Structure formats: C-alpha cells, structure tokens
Amino acid sequence: MIYTAEELFKLRLPADADLSNDEVGALLLRAGNTILDITGRTEIPSQLMDVQAELALIYYNRKGTEGEKKRAEGEITMDFTAGIPEDIIMRLKNYPRKVGVLSAAD
C-alpha cells in the first residue's frame, strides 16, 4: 500500500495529539522544505515520503523545546539532539544535490 506523507505522519502521532489540519500541513511543509534544501531538488521523490513524515514527527516532538540542549526538572534530566538524525541524513545521501544538466546540444 502506498501512503502519503500526511497519512504516514498521522499514523505515527500519539493518540492524544490534537493537531489542526493547518498544523499538520505546516509541519509537513517544514519537513519537505528541509528535504528539498538538502537534496537541491524541486520535488520530493516518492521514496522519501516516509522521511518527510519522520522529519515532521521530529519537529512535532521538538515543539516547546526549541533552542534547548538540556532540561532538568527535579531528578529528571532530558538531553535534546540538535539537527537531523544521522539515519535520515544517510537516506538523503542517496539523493545527491542536482546540479545543472548539460544537454547533448551544448
């Protein structure tokens, strides 16, 4: 079965997540733009829909912790990872940046 990035994202959200369609769209847009920035493409390949959903989920989970590296509350300490996880970077490396393409007439 083929899923859209939105369907995959919604499947991975916690059951108590209460996001509007606009919030879902904004998270997917941010994730999609990240993928396009890294790959230099104008469209996200269908093979990267799950990566877009995963990035959107990461951005959702980071809500409210932007800019934090560590948080301590009582005896509980949380460390935050900045940037994009290495497993996602490895997937995106399979789609190298596109550069100008020369035609045979050039």
C-alpha atoms as a PDB file:
ATOM      1  CA  MET A   1       0.000   0.000   0.000  1.00  0.00           C
ATOM      2  CA  ILE A   2       1.265   3.478  -0.834  1.00  0.00           C
ATOM      3  CA  TYR A   3       0.812   6.181   1.784  1.00  0.00           C
ATOM      4  CA  THR A   4       1.147   9.930   1.503  1.00  0.00           C
ATOM      5  CA  ALA A   5       3.493  11.772   3.852  1.00  0.00           C
ATOM      6  CA  GLU A   6       0.429  13.143   5.667  1.00  0.00           C
ATOM      7  CA  GLU A   7      -1.039   9.662   6.203  1.00  0.00           C
ATOM      8  CA  LEU A   8       2.284   8.319   7.474  1.00  0.00           C
ATOM      9  CA  PHE A   9       2.693  11.298   9.794  1.00  0.00           C
ATOM     10  CA  LYS A  10      -0.800  10.914  11.253  1.00  0.00           C
ATOM     11  CA  LEU A  11      -0.234   7.178  11.799  1.00  0.00           C
ATOM     12  CA  ARG A  12       2.860   7.937  13.894  1.00  0.00           C
ATOM     13  CA  LEU A  13       1.324  10.698  16.022  1.00  0.00           C
ATOM     14  CA  PRO A  14       0.468   9.886  19.632  1.00  0.00           C
ATOM     15  CA  ALA A  15      -3.208   9.067  20.175  1.00  0.00           C
ATOM     16  CA  ASP A  16      -3.675  12.185  22.314  1.00  0.00           C
ATOM     17  CA  ALA A  17      -2.183  14.546  19.704  1.00  0.00           C
ATOM     18  CA  ASP A  18      -4.627  17.314  18.897  1.00  0.00           C
ATOM     19  CA  LEU A  19      -3.344  18.990  15.737  1.00  0.00           C
ATOM     20  CA  SER A  20      -5.363  21.018  13.290  1.00  0.00           C
ATOM     21  CA  ASN A  21      -5.026  20.368   9.572  1.00  0.00           C
ATOM     22  CA  ASP A  22      -3.097  23.650   9.332  1.00  0.00           C
ATOM     23  CA  GLU A  23      -0.601  22.493  11.971  1.00  0.00           C
ATOM     24  CA  VAL A  24      -0.152  19.144  10.207  1.00  0.00           C
ATOM     25  CA  GLY A  25       0.372  20.966   6.917  1.00  0.00           C
ATOM     26  CA  ALA A  26       2.886  23.372   8.453  1.00  0.00           C
ATOM     27  CA  LEU A  27       4.968  20.546   9.963  1.00  0.00           C
ATOM     28  CA  LEU A  28       4.945  18.607   6.679  1.00  0.00           C
ATOM     29  CA  LEU A  29       5.858  21.763   4.754  1.00  0.00           C
ATOM     30  CA  ARG A  30       8.816  22.421   7.050  1.00  0.00           C
ATOM     31  CA  ALA A  31       9.971  18.812   6.709  1.00  0.00           C
ATOM     32  CA  GLY A  32       9.512  18.894   2.945  1.00  0.00           C
ATOM     33  CA  ASN A  33      11.454  22.144   2.624  1.00  0.00           C
ATOM     34  CA  THR A  34      14.279  20.632   4.665  1.00  0.00           C
ATOM     35  CA  ILE A  35      14.445  17.679   2.270  1.00  0.00           C
ATOM     36  CA  LEU A  36      14.380  19.972  -0.779  1.00  0.00           C
ATOM     37  CA  ASP A  37      17.097  22.195   0.718  1.00  0.00           C
ATOM     38  CA  ILE A  38      19.379  19.232   1.358  1.00  0.00           C
ATOM     39  CA  THR A  39      18.793  17.485  -1.963  1.00  0.00           C
ATOM     40  CA  GLY A  40      18.549  20.617  -4.117  1.00  0.00           C
ATOM     41  CA  ARG A  41      15.503  19.206  -5.850  1.00  0.00           C
ATOM     42  CA  THR A  42      12.217  20.880  -6.691  1.00  0.00           C
ATOM     43  CA  GLU A  43      10.059  17.856  -5.833  1.00  0.00           C
ATOM     44  CA  ILE A  44      10.302  15.237  -3.120  1.00  0.00           C
ATOM     45  CA  PRO A  45      10.824  11.761  -4.598  1.00  0.00           C
ATOM     46  CA  SER A  46       8.048   9.360  -3.608  1.00  0.00           C
ATOM     47  CA  GLN A  47      10.656   7.157  -1.906  1.00  0.00           C
ATOM     48  CA  LEU A  48      11.203   9.965   0.619  1.00  0.00           C
ATOM     49  CA  MET A  49       7.584  10.361   1.766  1.00  0.00           C
ATOM     50  CA  ASP A  50       8.401   8.366   4.900  1.00  0.00           C
ATOM     51  CA  VAL A  51      11.423  10.594   5.558  1.00  0.00           C
ATOM     52  CA  GLN A  52       9.199  13.670   5.257  1.00  0.00           C
ATOM     53  CA  ALA A  53       6.735  12.139   7.730  1.00  0.00           C
ATOM     54  CA  GLU A  54       9.569  11.219  10.110  1.00  0.00           C
ATOM     55  CA  LEU A  55      11.028  14.733   9.999  1.00  0.00           C
ATOM     56  CA  ALA A  56       7.581  16.218  10.604  1.00  0.00           C
ATOM     57  CA  LEU A  57       7.214  13.953  13.641  1.00  0.00           C
ATOM     58  CA  ILE A  58      10.618  15.054  14.939  1.00  0.00           C
ATOM     59  CA  TYR A  59       9.588  18.696  14.518  1.00  0.00           C
ATOM     60  CA  TYR A  60       6.308  17.945  16.326  1.00  0.00           C
ATOM     61  CA  ASN A  61       8.161  16.291  19.219  1.00  0.00           C
ATOM     62  CA  ARG A  62      10.562  19.244  19.484  1.00  0.00           C
ATOM     63  CA  LYS A  63       7.712  21.739  19.886  1.00  0.00           C
ATOM     64  CA  GLY A  64       8.298  23.781  23.009  1.00  0.00           C
ATOM     65  CA  THR A  65      11.953  22.785  23.313  1.00  0.00           C
ATOM     66  CA  GLU A  66      13.370  24.922  20.516  1.00  0.00           C
ATOM     67  CA  GLY A  67      16.871  26.097  21.351  1.00  0.00           C
ATOM     68  CA  GLU A  68      17.272  23.833  24.377  1.00  0.00           C
ATOM     69  CA  LYS A  69      20.181  21.445  24.739  1.00  0.00           C
ATOM     70  CA  LYS A  70      19.320  20.074  28.158  1.00  0.00           C
ATOM     71  CA  ARG A  71      16.480  20.396  30.655  1.00  0.00           C
ATOM     72  CA  ALA A  72      16.428  19.317  34.280  1.00  0.00           C
ATOM     73  CA  GLU A  73      13.242  19.041  36.310  1.00  0.00           C
ATOM     74  CA  GLY A  74      13.864  17.642  39.761  1.00  0.00           C
ATOM     75  CA  GLU A  75      15.739  14.389  39.324  1.00  0.00           C
ATOM     76  CA  ILE A  76      14.756  14.056  35.667  1.00  0.00           C
ATOM     77  CA  THR A  77      17.199  15.326  33.057  1.00  0.00           C
ATOM     78  CA  MET A  78      16.475  15.407  29.337  1.00  0.00           C
ATOM     79  CA  ASP A  79      19.095  15.887  26.636  1.00  0.00           C
ATOM     80  CA  PHE A  80      17.973  17.210  23.267  1.00  0.00           C
ATOM     81  CA  THR A  81      19.526  16.332  19.930  1.00  0.00           C
ATOM     82  CA  ALA A  82      20.017  19.213  17.540  1.00  0.00           C
ATOM     83  CA  GLY A  83      19.852  18.867  13.783  1.00  0.00           C
ATOM     84  CA  ILE A  84      18.679  15.985  11.687  1.00  0.00           C
ATOM     85  CA  PRO A  85      19.260  12.418  12.927  1.00  0.00           C
ATOM     86  CA  GLU A  86      22.043  10.501  11.181  1.00  0.00           C
ATOM     87  CA  ASP A  87      19.720   7.778   9.817  1.00  0.00           C
ATOM     88  CA  ILE A  88      17.730  10.417   7.932  1.00  0.00           C
ATOM     89  CA  ILE A  89      20.901  12.077   6.631  1.00  0.00           C
ATOM     90  CA  MET A  90      22.038   8.677   5.330  1.00  0.00           C
ATOM     91  CA  ARG A  91      18.737   8.250   3.445  1.00  0.00           C
ATOM     92  CA  LEU A  92      19.032  11.718   1.923  1.00  0.00           C
ATOM     93  CA  LYS A  93      22.583  10.985   0.745  1.00  0.00           C
ATOM     94  CA  ASN A  94      21.019   8.576  -1.753  1.00  0.00           C
ATOM     95  CA  TYR A  95      19.518  11.650  -3.441  1.00  0.00           C
ATOM     96  CA  PRO A  96      22.517  13.900  -4.080  1.00  0.00           C
ATOM     97  CA  ARG A  97      22.090  17.560  -4.917  1.00  0.00           C
ATOM     98  CA  LYS A  98      21.123  18.110  -8.508  1.00  0.00           C
ATOM     99  CA  VAL A  99      23.359  20.448 -10.442  1.00  0.00           C
ATOM    100  CA  GLY A 100      22.975  21.939 -13.900  1.00  0.00           C
ATOM    101  CA  VAL A 101      22.478  19.289 -16.539  1.00  0.00           C
ATOM    102  CA  LEU A 102      24.131  19.784 -19.903  1.00  0.00           C
ATOM    103  CA  SER A 103      22.285  18.571 -22.961  1.00  0.00           C
ATOM    104  CA  ALA A 104      24.000  16.871 -25.898  1.00  0.00           C
ATOM    105  CA  ALA A 105      23.481  20.081 -27.938  1.00  0.00           C
ATOM    106  CA  ASP A 106      25.681  22.043 -25.501  1.00  0.00           C
END
